[in-house]
Amino acid sequence: MRRAAMTKSAHTEAEDNVSAELTVAAPAATVFAVLADPTTHAAIDGTGWVQESVDRAPLTEAGQLFRMDMYHPNHPNGNYQVVNKVQVLELPRAIGWLTGSRDDSGELEFGGWIWRYDLVPLGPDETEVALTYDWSAVPQSIREYIQFPPFGPEHLTNSLRHLAEVVAGR
């Protein structure tokens, strides 16, 4: 197993988004393949909220939906499920998704926040990965009961470090 090399790590905060960057010792295609595999997302998550992927098929196109089982102690049910919708899929440069859920009638609703990974090859075996959590489209009605971001900025850096570890294990 290769050791995950992390030569650069930083995070920035803006009014309605937070991002972090990390250089990963792997080709962009390898990093992208890990991100496009929903079964890796629990291992990548820096909060421990993502429990398991319900849908195991790789992410291959914009508009694709994939579900995740989640846990958060402040959620009314503790355990819950999110439905993500792929918004960006540009192999091997960018992948991102909106997070939502089904309401009581089964209708799909999205809260307005998106997770996005941008990959920049730095050579044949090194990729700069930027992770951005953007909540600029979250309506005021949701902002009244959810604080944004719902985690500290270190979450993104932790997620990128976990991503590098998963990639190194491939």
C-alpha atoms as a PDB file:
ATOM      1  CA  MET A   1       0.000   0.000   0.000  1.00  0.00           C
ATOM      2  CA  ARG A   2       1.283   3.450  -0.919  1.00  0.00           C
ATOM      3  CA  ARG A   3       1.509   6.108   1.750  1.00  0.00           C
ATOM      4  CA  ALA A   4      -0.763   9.108   1.188  1.00  0.00           C
ATOM      5  CA  ALA A   5       1.364  12.130   0.437  1.00  0.00           C
ATOM      6  CA  MET A   6      -0.115  15.433   1.411  1.00  0.00           C
ATOM      7  CA  THR A   7       2.242  18.175   0.410  1.00  0.00           C
ATOM      8  CA  LYS A   8      -0.133  21.104   0.732  1.00  0.00           C
ATOM      9  CA  SER A   9      -3.200  21.690   2.875  1.00  0.00           C
ATOM     10  CA  ALA A  10      -5.163  24.878   3.331  1.00  0.00           C
ATOM     11  CA  HIS A  11      -8.707  26.065   3.833  1.00  0.00           C
ATOM     12  CA  THR A  12     -10.520  29.292   3.090  1.00  0.00           C
ATOM     13  CA  GLU A  13     -13.854  30.684   4.152  1.00  0.00           C
ATOM     14  CA  ALA A  14     -16.126  33.042   2.252  1.00  0.00           C
ATOM     15  CA  GLU A  15     -19.581  34.373   3.071  1.00  0.00           C
ATOM     16  CA  ASP A  16     -21.514  31.382   1.717  1.00  0.00           C
ATOM     17  CA  ASN A  17     -18.869  28.718   1.160  1.00  0.00           C
ATOM     18  CA  VAL A  18     -15.830  27.109   2.669  1.00  0.00           C
ATOM     19  CA  SER A  19     -13.107  25.250   0.821  1.00  0.00           C
ATOM     20  CA  ALA A  20      -9.902  23.347   1.393  1.00  0.00           C
ATOM     21  CA  GLU A  21      -7.080  22.148  -0.848  1.00  0.00           C
ATOM     22  CA  LEU A  22      -4.704  19.252  -0.610  1.00  0.00           C
ATOM     23  CA  THR A  23      -2.105  17.782  -2.944  1.00  0.00           C
ATOM     24  CA  VAL A  24      -2.606  14.030  -3.287  1.00  0.00           C
ATOM     25  CA  ALA A  25       0.108  11.671  -4.558  1.00  0.00           C
ATOM     26  CA  ALA A  26      -1.966  10.039  -7.299  1.00  0.00           C
ATOM     27  CA  PRO A  27      -3.097  10.714 -10.859  1.00  0.00           C
ATOM     28  CA  ALA A  28      -6.293  12.754 -11.245  1.00  0.00           C
ATOM     29  CA  ALA A  29      -8.095   9.785 -12.827  1.00  0.00           C
ATOM     30  CA  THR A  30      -7.421   7.670  -9.709  1.00  0.00           C
ATOM     31  CA  VAL A  31      -8.636  10.408  -7.362  1.00  0.00           C
ATOM     32  CA  PHE A  32     -11.719  10.973  -9.528  1.00  0.00           C
ATOM     33  CA  ALA A  33     -12.540   7.241  -9.531  1.00  0.00           C
ATOM     34  CA  VAL A  34     -12.569   7.228  -5.726  1.00  0.00           C
ATOM     35  CA  LEU A  35     -14.844  10.285  -5.598  1.00  0.00           C
ATOM     36  CA  ALA A  36     -17.185   8.796  -8.215  1.00  0.00           C
ATOM     37  CA  ASP A  37     -17.591   5.645  -6.097  1.00  0.00           C
ATOM     38  CA  PRO A  38     -20.335   6.287  -3.506  1.00  0.00           C
ATOM     39  CA  THR A  39     -19.141   3.308  -1.450  1.00  0.00           C
ATOM     40  CA  THR A  40     -16.008   5.296  -0.509  1.00  0.00           C
ATOM     41  CA  HIS A  41     -17.851   8.338   0.812  1.00  0.00           C
ATOM     42  CA  ALA A  42     -18.224   7.094   4.402  1.00  0.00           C
ATOM     43  CA  ALA A  43     -14.449   6.562   4.578  1.00  0.00           C
ATOM     44  CA  ILE A  44     -13.795  10.013   3.102  1.00  0.00           C
ATOM     45  CA  ASP A  45     -16.238  11.930   5.319  1.00  0.00           C
ATOM     46  CA  GLY A  46     -14.500  14.024   7.958  1.00  0.00           C
ATOM     47  CA  THR A  47     -17.474  14.277  10.358  1.00  0.00           C
ATOM     48  CA  GLY A  48     -18.536  10.653  10.747  1.00  0.00           C
ATOM     49  CA  TRP A  49     -22.078  11.535   9.665  1.00  0.00           C
ATOM     50  CA  VAL A  50     -21.991   9.480   6.435  1.00  0.00           C
ATOM     51  CA  GLN A  51     -22.678   5.875   7.419  1.00  0.00           C
ATOM     52  CA  GLU A  52     -23.080   3.893   4.216  1.00  0.00           C
ATOM     53  CA  SER A  53     -23.955   4.270   0.577  1.00  0.00           C
ATOM     54  CA  VAL A  54     -27.378   2.883  -0.296  1.00  0.00           C
ATOM     55  CA  ASP A  55     -26.688   3.117  -4.022  1.00  0.00           C
ATOM     56  CA  ARG A  56     -23.463   1.428  -5.010  1.00  0.00           C
ATOM     57  CA  ALA A  57     -23.236   2.238  -8.725  1.00  0.00           C
ATOM     58  CA  PRO A  58     -20.431   4.620  -9.750  1.00  0.00           C
ATOM     59  CA  LEU A  59     -21.401   8.201 -10.531  1.00  0.00           C
ATOM     60  CA  THR A  60     -21.338   8.568 -14.294  1.00  0.00           C
ATOM     61  CA  GLU A  61     -23.529  11.518 -15.305  1.00  0.00           C
ATOM     62  CA  ALA A  62     -25.043  14.799 -14.209  1.00  0.00           C
ATOM     63  CA  GLY A  63     -28.556  14.303 -12.880  1.00  0.00           C
ATOM     64  CA  GLN A  64     -27.777  10.888 -11.371  1.00  0.00           C
ATOM     65  CA  LEU A  65     -29.203  10.333  -7.886  1.00  0.00           C
ATOM     66  CA  PHE A  66     -27.478   8.417  -5.112  1.00  0.00           C
ATOM     67  CA  ARG A  67     -28.559   7.859  -1.515  1.00  0.00           C
ATOM     68  CA  MET A  68     -26.526   7.785   1.688  1.00  0.00           C
ATOM     69  CA  ASP A  69     -27.456   6.554   5.128  1.00  0.00           C
ATOM     70  CA  MET A  70     -26.474   9.186   7.664  1.00  0.00           C
ATOM     71  CA  TYR A  71     -26.308   9.732  11.414  1.00  0.00           C
ATOM     72  CA  HIS A  72     -26.239  12.988  13.335  1.00  0.00           C
ATOM     73  CA  PRO A  73     -27.021  13.282  17.048  1.00  0.00           C
ATOM     74  CA  ASN A  74     -28.905  16.567  16.494  1.00  0.00           C
ATOM     75  CA  HIS A  75     -31.131  15.163  13.741  1.00  0.00           C
ATOM     76  CA  PRO A  76     -34.675  14.485  15.003  1.00  0.00           C
ATOM     77  CA  ASN A  77     -34.346  10.790  14.107  1.00  0.00           C
ATOM     78  CA  GLY A  78     -30.594  10.403  14.643  1.00  0.00           C
ATOM     79  CA  ASN A  79     -30.413   8.098  11.628  1.00  0.00           C
ATOM     80  CA  TYR A  80     -31.676   9.492   8.344  1.00  0.00           C
ATOM     81  CA  GLN A  81     -31.098   9.229   4.611  1.00  0.00           C
ATOM     82  CA  VAL A  82     -30.031  11.857   2.096  1.00  0.00           C
ATOM     83  CA  VAL A  83     -30.514  11.819  -1.644  1.00  0.00           C
ATOM     84  CA  ASN A  84     -27.713  13.453  -3.614  1.00  0.00           C
ATOM     85  CA  LYS A  85     -28.055  14.689  -7.177  1.00  0.00           C
ATOM     86  CA  VAL A  86     -24.921  14.920  -9.302  1.00  0.00           C
ATOM     87  CA  GLN A  87     -24.650  18.491 -10.572  1.00  0.00           C
ATOM     88  CA  VAL A  88     -21.144  18.432 -12.070  1.00  0.00           C
ATOM     89  CA  LEU A  89     -19.319  15.494 -13.591  1.00  0.00           C
ATOM     90  CA  GLU A  90     -16.334  16.356 -15.768  1.00  0.00           C
ATOM     91  CA  LEU A  91     -13.993  13.370 -15.845  1.00  0.00           C
ATOM     92  CA  PRO A  92     -11.333  13.677 -14.369  1.00  0.00           C
ATOM     93  CA  ARG A  93     -11.544  17.385 -13.423  1.00  0.00           C
ATOM     94  CA  ALA A  94     -14.670  18.017 -11.331  1.00  0.00           C
ATOM     95  CA  ILE A  95     -17.481  16.254  -9.522  1.00  0.00           C
ATOM     96  CA  GLY A  96     -20.163  17.745  -7.307  1.00  0.00           C
ATOM     97  CA  TRP A  97     -23.626  17.073  -5.922  1.00  0.00           C
ATOM     98  CA  LEU A  98     -26.569  18.725  -4.236  1.00  0.00           C
ATOM     99  CA  THR A  99     -27.794  17.120  -1.031  1.00  0.00           C
ATOM    100  CA  GLY A 100     -31.496  16.621  -0.425  1.00  0.00           C
ATOM    101  CA  SER A 101     -34.084  14.304   1.019  1.00  0.00           C
ATOM    102  CA  ARG A 102     -37.565  13.005   0.401  1.00  0.00           C
ATOM    103  CA  ASP A 103     -40.399  14.755   2.187  1.00  0.00           C
ATOM    104  CA  ASP A 104     -43.302  12.920   3.849  1.00  0.00           C
ATOM    105  CA  SER A 105     -45.074  12.551   0.493  1.00  0.00           C
ATOM    106  CA  GLY A 106     -41.951  11.095  -1.155  1.00  0.00           C
ATOM    107  CA  GLU A 107     -41.141  14.224  -3.144  1.00  0.00           C
ATOM    108  CA  LEU A 108     -37.461  15.004  -3.536  1.00  0.00           C
ATOM    109  CA  GLU A 109     -36.343  18.317  -2.012  1.00  0.00           C
ATOM    110  CA  PHE A 110     -32.893  19.899  -2.080  1.00  0.00           C
ATOM    111  CA  GLY A 111     -31.727  22.318   0.584  1.00  0.00           C
ATOM    112  CA  GLY A 112     -29.470  24.370  -1.681  1.00  0.00           C
ATOM    113  CA  TRP A 113     -26.017  23.216  -0.568  1.00  0.00           C
ATOM    114  CA  ILE A 114     -23.506  21.547  -2.852  1.00  0.00           C
ATOM    115  CA  TRP A 115     -20.313  19.550  -2.347  1.00  0.00           C
ATOM    116  CA  ARG A 116     -17.793  20.007  -5.148  1.00  0.00           C
ATOM    117  CA  TYR A 117     -14.340  18.562  -5.787  1.00  0.00           C
ATOM    118  CA  ASP A 118     -12.083  20.178  -8.384  1.00  0.00           C
ATOM    119  CA  LEU A 119      -8.991  18.252  -9.486  1.00  0.00           C
ATOM    120  CA  VAL A 120      -5.911  19.768 -11.123  1.00  0.00           C
ATOM    121  CA  PRO A 121      -3.200  17.366 -12.315  1.00  0.00           C
ATOM    122  CA  LEU A 122       0.222  18.555 -11.155  1.00  0.00           C
ATOM    123  CA  GLY A 123       2.021  15.806 -13.027  1.00  0.00           C
ATOM    124  CA  PRO A 124       1.506  12.127 -13.783  1.00  0.00           C
ATOM    125  CA  ASP A 125       1.358  11.124 -10.096  1.00  0.00           C
ATOM    126  CA  GLU A 126       0.151  14.190  -8.235  1.00  0.00           C
ATOM    127  CA  THR A 127      -3.197  16.008  -8.120  1.00  0.00           C
ATOM    128  CA  GLU A 128      -4.302  19.148  -6.353  1.00  0.00           C
ATOM    129  CA  VAL A 129      -7.783  18.563  -4.967  1.00  0.00           C
ATOM    130  CA  ALA A 130     -10.027  21.432  -3.876  1.00  0.00           C
ATOM    131  CA  LEU A 131     -13.157  20.608  -1.889  1.00  0.00           C
ATOM    132  CA  THR A 132     -15.813  23.312  -1.644  1.00  0.00           C
ATOM    133  CA  TYR A 133     -18.998  23.278   0.426  1.00  0.00           C
ATOM    134  CA  ASP A 134     -21.281  26.009  -0.957  1.00  0.00           C
ATOM    135  CA  TRP A 135     -24.544  26.985   0.712  1.00  0.00           C
ATOM    136  CA  SER A 136     -25.207  30.197  -1.256  1.00  0.00           C
ATOM    137  CA  ALA A 137     -28.474  28.788  -2.694  1.00  0.00           C
ATOM    138  CA  VAL A 138     -29.932  27.808   0.699  1.00  0.00           C
ATOM    139  CA  PRO A 139     -33.229  29.665   1.230  1.00  0.00           C
ATOM    140  CA  GLN A 140     -33.777  31.743   4.361  1.00  0.00           C
ATOM    141  CA  SER A 141     -36.463  29.318   5.575  1.00  0.00           C
ATOM    142  CA  ILE A 142     -33.793  26.594   5.951  1.00  0.00           C
ATOM    143  CA  ARG A 143     -31.159  28.999   7.334  1.00  0.00           C
ATOM    144  CA  GLU A 144     -33.556  29.719  10.210  1.00  0.00           C
ATOM    145  CA  TYR A 145     -33.115  26.214  11.623  1.00  0.00           C
ATOM    146  CA  ILE A 146     -29.750  25.020  10.250  1.00  0.00           C
ATOM    147  CA  GLN A 147     -26.540  26.914  10.946  1.00  0.00           C
ATOM    148  CA  PHE A 148     -24.206  27.118   7.950  1.00  0.00           C
ATOM    149  CA  PRO A 149     -21.798  25.614   7.662  1.00  0.00           C
ATOM    150  CA  PRO A 150     -23.044  22.873   9.999  1.00  0.00           C
ATOM    151  CA  PHE A 151     -19.441  21.870  10.818  1.00  0.00           C
ATOM    152  CA  GLY A 152     -16.092  23.510  11.407  1.00  0.00           C
ATOM    153  CA  PRO A 153     -13.732  24.291   8.507  1.00  0.00           C
ATOM    154  CA  GLU A 154     -11.424  21.465   9.637  1.00  0.00           C
ATOM    155  CA  HIS A 155     -14.056  19.015   8.329  1.00  0.00           C
ATOM    156  CA  LEU A 156     -13.038  19.721   4.745  1.00  0.00           C
ATOM    157  CA  THR A 157      -9.337  19.309   5.495  1.00  0.00           C
ATOM    158  CA  ASN A 158     -10.110  16.038   7.317  1.00  0.00           C
ATOM    159  CA  SER A 159     -12.151  14.847   4.347  1.00  0.00           C
ATOM    160  CA  LEU A 160      -9.305  15.567   1.952  1.00  0.00           C
ATOM    161  CA  ARG A 161      -6.841  13.730   4.172  1.00  0.00           C
ATOM    162  CA  HIS A 162      -9.203  10.760   4.303  1.00  0.00           C
ATOM    163  CA  LEU A 163      -9.532  10.931   0.504  1.00  0.00           C
ATOM    164  CA  ALA A 164      -5.729  10.785   0.179  1.00  0.00           C
ATOM    165  CA  GLU A 165      -5.659   7.719   2.471  1.00  0.00           C
ATOM    166  CA  VAL A 166      -8.355   5.915   0.467  1.00  0.00           C
ATOM    167  CA  VAL A 167      -6.568   6.758  -2.801  1.00  0.00           C
ATOM    168  CA  ALA A 168      -3.256   5.475  -1.387  1.00  0.00           C
ATOM    169  CA  GLY A 169      -4.934   2.162  -0.593  1.00  0.00           C
ATOM    170  CA  ARG A 170      -5.934   1.605  -4.243  1.00  0.00           C
END
